Protein backbone atom coordinates (compact mmCIF):
# COMPACT_ATOMS: atom_id res chain seq x y z
CA MET A 1 6.02 16.67 20.88
CA LYS A 2 8.47 19.49 21.62
CA TYR A 3 12.20 18.86 22.05
CA ASP A 4 15.05 20.99 23.30
CA ARG A 5 17.39 18.59 21.52
CA LEU A 6 16.79 15.43 19.51
CA VAL A 7 19.46 12.92 18.56
CA ILE A 8 18.86 10.09 16.13
CA ALA A 9 21.82 7.74 16.46
CA THR A 10 21.68 5.06 13.80
CA GLY A 11 25.21 3.70 14.02
CA GLY A 12 28.76 4.79 13.48
CA ALA A 13 29.45 3.50 9.99
CA ALA A 14 27.62 1.94 7.10
CA ARG A 15 28.50 -1.65 6.37
CA LYS A 16 30.13 -1.62 2.95
CA LEU A 17 29.51 -4.24 0.32
CA PRO A 18 32.56 -6.22 -0.85
CA ALA A 19 34.51 -4.33 -3.52
CA SER A 20 33.92 -7.17 -5.99
CA VAL A 21 30.16 -6.53 -5.71
CA ALA A 22 30.08 -2.77 -5.20
CA LYS A 23 32.40 -1.63 -7.98
CA SER A 24 29.46 -0.20 -9.92
CA ALA A 25 28.73 3.54 -9.94
CA ARG A 26 25.13 2.55 -9.27
CA VAL A 27 25.85 1.70 -5.62
CA THR A 28 24.97 4.49 -3.19
CA TYR A 29 25.51 4.58 0.56
CA LEU A 30 23.41 6.73 2.89
CA ARG A 31 25.19 8.23 5.90
CA THR A 32 25.60 11.95 5.15
CA LEU A 33 23.42 14.81 3.97
CA ASP A 34 25.32 14.91 0.65
CA GLU A 35 24.64 11.20 0.15
CA ALA A 36 20.96 11.74 0.97
CA MET A 37 20.72 14.56 -1.59
CA ALA A 38 22.43 12.44 -4.26
CA LEU A 39 20.17 9.49 -3.49
CA GLY A 40 17.07 11.68 -3.79
CA GLU A 41 18.19 12.91 -7.20
CA ARG A 42 18.87 9.36 -8.36
CA LEU A 43 15.50 8.12 -7.10
CA HIS A 44 13.71 10.80 -9.12
CA ARG A 45 15.40 9.44 -12.27
CA SER A 46 14.92 5.75 -11.46
CA GLN A 47 12.31 3.08 -12.15
CA ARG A 48 13.48 0.59 -9.53
CA VAL A 49 15.83 0.37 -6.56
CA LEU A 50 17.37 -2.45 -4.54
CA VAL A 51 17.82 -1.57 -0.87
CA VAL A 52 20.34 -3.70 1.03
CA GLY A 53 19.38 -3.65 4.69
CA GLY A 54 15.91 -3.71 6.19
CA GLY A 55 16.61 -1.57 9.22
CA TRP A 56 15.03 1.79 9.90
CA ILE A 57 17.02 3.69 7.26
CA GLY A 58 16.66 1.03 4.58
CA LEU A 59 12.91 0.77 5.03
CA GLU A 60 12.56 4.57 4.95
CA VAL A 61 14.48 4.64 1.66
CA ALA A 62 12.18 1.95 0.26
CA ALA A 63 9.06 3.81 1.44
CA THR A 64 10.31 7.06 -0.09
CA ALA A 65 11.05 5.26 -3.34
CA ARG A 66 7.50 3.88 -3.44
CA LYS A 67 6.06 7.37 -2.84
CA LEU A 68 8.04 8.44 -5.92
CA ARG A 69 6.55 5.50 -7.85
CA VAL A 70 9.90 3.70 -7.91
CA ALA A 71 9.70 -0.09 -7.50
CA ALA A 72 11.63 -1.04 -4.36
CA THR A 73 13.04 -4.40 -3.30
CA VAL A 74 14.53 -4.78 0.18
CA VAL A 75 17.11 -7.48 0.97
CA GLU A 76 17.76 -8.16 4.66
CA GLU A 77 20.12 -10.72 6.14
CA ALA A 78 18.60 -10.90 9.63
CA PRO A 79 15.45 -12.89 10.38
CA ARG A 80 12.25 -10.88 10.63
CA ARG A 81 11.00 -10.36 14.18
CA GLN A 82 7.33 -10.17 14.97
CA THR A 83 6.60 -7.58 17.67
CA CYS A 84 2.89 -8.09 18.22
């Protein structure tokens, strides 16, 4: 498909984990290109990853991790919807 312009709007801000939980340097958020690059580097050095959020971005991160042979666990708060 050819586009003149394509916008992927995934939300205005990442929901942050409570500071008491996310005070580790191991927590990474994904909203910017710099964060994506840092996450990619970390995934290449990792054996496993926990993805908080099973939306489009979270599931793409988990799928990418699996392609890199990184074990991925996804935690999602919302109930799963069946679309078929």
